[in-house]
Amino acid sequence: MRFLLVSTDYRDFLDWLYNQYSGLATQPYDAQVRSRAESLFGLANFYSSNLQRLGHEAWDIDANNEFMQRAWERQRGRA
């Protein structure tokens, strides 16, 4: 089974996260996803990581994180 988990973060949290880790906004998409998950804020990646352990395909999308979206676009030549 495939799962796409879409979430949003509070603006204050995103400001804190990207101020906490200098240069995070310019890191590759996967590095930003990892930092976001390691923060353990909100849902983090609890659902997707456990669904993957059960053998499912699962992805997390942060719908309002423009830094991650720009990194994803850069890596695919769309920025």
Protein backbone atom coordinates (compact mmCIF):
# COMPACT_ATOMS: atom_id res chain seq x y z
CA MET A 1 0.00 0.00 0.00
CA ARG A 2 1.13 3.59 -0.60
CA PHE A 3 0.66 6.50 1.77
CA LEU A 4 1.23 10.22 1.26
CA LEU A 5 1.10 12.09 4.55
CA VAL A 6 0.58 15.83 4.07
CA SER A 7 1.10 18.17 7.00
CA THR A 8 1.78 21.81 7.72
CA ASP A 9 3.94 23.45 10.36
CA TYR A 10 3.43 26.58 12.40
CA ARG A 11 5.34 29.52 10.94
CA ASP A 12 6.99 30.09 14.34
CA PHE A 13 8.29 26.52 14.34
CA LEU A 14 9.72 26.86 10.82
CA ASP A 15 11.40 30.12 11.80
CA TRP A 16 12.90 28.42 14.87
CA LEU A 17 14.06 25.35 12.92
CA TYR A 18 15.80 27.29 10.16
CA ASN A 19 17.35 29.74 12.63
CA GLN A 20 18.52 26.88 14.85
CA TYR A 21 20.45 25.22 12.03
CA SER A 22 22.44 27.81 10.12
CA GLY A 23 22.47 27.07 6.41
CA LEU A 24 19.70 24.47 6.57
CA ALA A 25 17.66 26.33 3.95
CA THR A 26 20.41 25.73 1.37
CA GLN A 27 20.90 22.05 2.21
CA PRO A 28 19.54 19.29 -0.06
CA TYR A 29 15.93 18.26 0.35
CA ASP A 30 16.76 15.00 2.17
CA ALA A 31 18.91 16.83 4.72
CA GLN A 32 16.05 19.23 5.45
CA VAL A 33 13.58 16.36 5.79
CA ARG A 34 15.95 14.62 8.19
CA SER A 35 16.41 17.77 10.32
CA ARG A 36 12.66 18.30 10.39
CA ALA A 37 12.05 14.70 11.53
CA GLU A 38 14.83 14.86 14.14
CA SER A 39 13.16 17.89 15.71
CA LEU A 40 10.34 15.54 16.85
CA PHE A 41 7.92 18.47 16.57
CA GLY A 42 4.30 17.55 15.94
CA LEU A 43 3.96 14.41 13.86
CA ALA A 44 7.60 14.37 12.77
CA ASN A 45 7.84 11.20 10.67
CA PHE A 46 6.23 8.82 13.14
CA TYR A 47 3.53 7.56 10.77
CA SER A 48 5.66 7.20 7.66
CA SER A 49 8.62 5.54 9.38
CA ASN A 50 6.41 2.94 11.02
CA LEU A 51 4.40 2.32 7.85
CA GLN A 52 7.70 1.75 6.02
CA ARG A 53 8.77 -0.75 8.69
CA LEU A 54 5.54 -2.63 7.97
CA GLY A 55 6.51 -2.83 4.30
CA HIS A 56 4.44 0.03 2.89
CA GLU A 57 5.59 2.94 0.76
CA ALA A 58 5.10 6.14 2.75
CA TRP A 59 6.16 9.74 2.19
CA ASP A 60 5.82 12.91 4.24
CA ILE A 61 5.12 16.22 2.55
CA ASP A 62 5.32 19.53 4.40
CA ALA A 63 2.87 21.61 2.40
CA ASN A 64 3.90 25.02 3.71
CA ASN A 65 7.68 24.64 4.00
CA GLU A 66 8.97 26.78 1.16
CA PHE A 67 12.60 25.96 2.01
CA MET A 68 12.05 22.26 1.41
CA GLN A 69 10.01 22.95 -1.71
CA ARG A 70 12.79 25.11 -3.16
CA ALA A 71 15.40 22.44 -2.36
CA TRP A 72 13.27 19.78 -4.08
CA GLU A 73 12.93 22.04 -7.15
CA ARG A 74 16.68 22.84 -7.22
CA GLN A 75 17.58 19.16 -7.18
CA ARG A 76 15.29 18.53 -10.14
CA GLY A 77 16.35 21.56 -12.17
CA ARG A 78 13.01 23.29 -11.73
CA ALA A 79 14.13 26.30 -9.71
